[in-house]
C-alpha cells in the first residue's frame, strides 16, 4: 500500500506508459519489469527528473489487422518510481507508487516514447474518516470474507481504517485484493468520489456472491454419480 499525506502536484507533461489490461490506482503499488528499449529510456529519463510516469490502459483494437497505434484511455494514474533495480541486459525491475489521477489533454509522439500534456484530477473524500468511511470498508471486508469462506479460502478480518491510511488507499487496495478486472478498475479510476468507488466495488462483490450462491444451489441438484443422470 502506498499513500501520501497530501495531494501531490503533478507536472504538466509526463511520460506515458500504455499497458494492455493494466490499470494503476492511486495509493497502490504496481510492480513493473522494463525491458523494451524505449521504455528503458523512459525510466532513465524519469529518474533524472522527478521520477514520475503515467500509466494508462491500452484499449483493445477494433480490428486485429489494424496498423494504427492502439488507442489509450484518457484517464490514467501517475506514479513515482521506487525500488528501482537494474538487471543484466539493460533491464529494470521497479515499483510504481500510485500518486494521483490525470486526464490526457494531448499527446506527443515525436520521441521514442509517448509524452502527454495532462490535467491532474481531484479525488473527493480521498482522506475521509469516521463512521461512514469505516462502515463502507466494513461492508467490503464482509463481502470479501463471505466470498473467501464460500470458496474454502482464508478469512478476512475487519480492523477498521488503520491510522494514517487514507480512505482511498483502503478502498483501492481492497479492489485489487478482490482481483477486479481491467474494465472494472478503469471504471473506478473514472469516478471522482471515493465513496462512489467503494459502492461500485460493493456492487461487483455482491454480484459475485450472488453468482457463487446460484452455482452452489445448482451443484446441490447434481447427482453424486454423473452416470446416473
Foldseek 3Di string as FASTA:
>chain_A
DADDLDADDDDQKAFEDEDAFDADDALDKDKDKFQPVLVLVRQVVLVVDQQKHWYWYFDDDPDPPDPDDTDTDQKGWIWGWDPWDADPPSMIITMTHTHFMWGFPDWDPPDSGIMTRIDTAAAAQQQPDDDVLQVLLVLLQVLVQVVQVLVVHDGGDRPGDDPPHTSLNSQVVSLVVVVDTSVLSVVLRPDRYSSVNSVSSSVVSVVVVVVSVVVVVVVVPQDPDNVVD
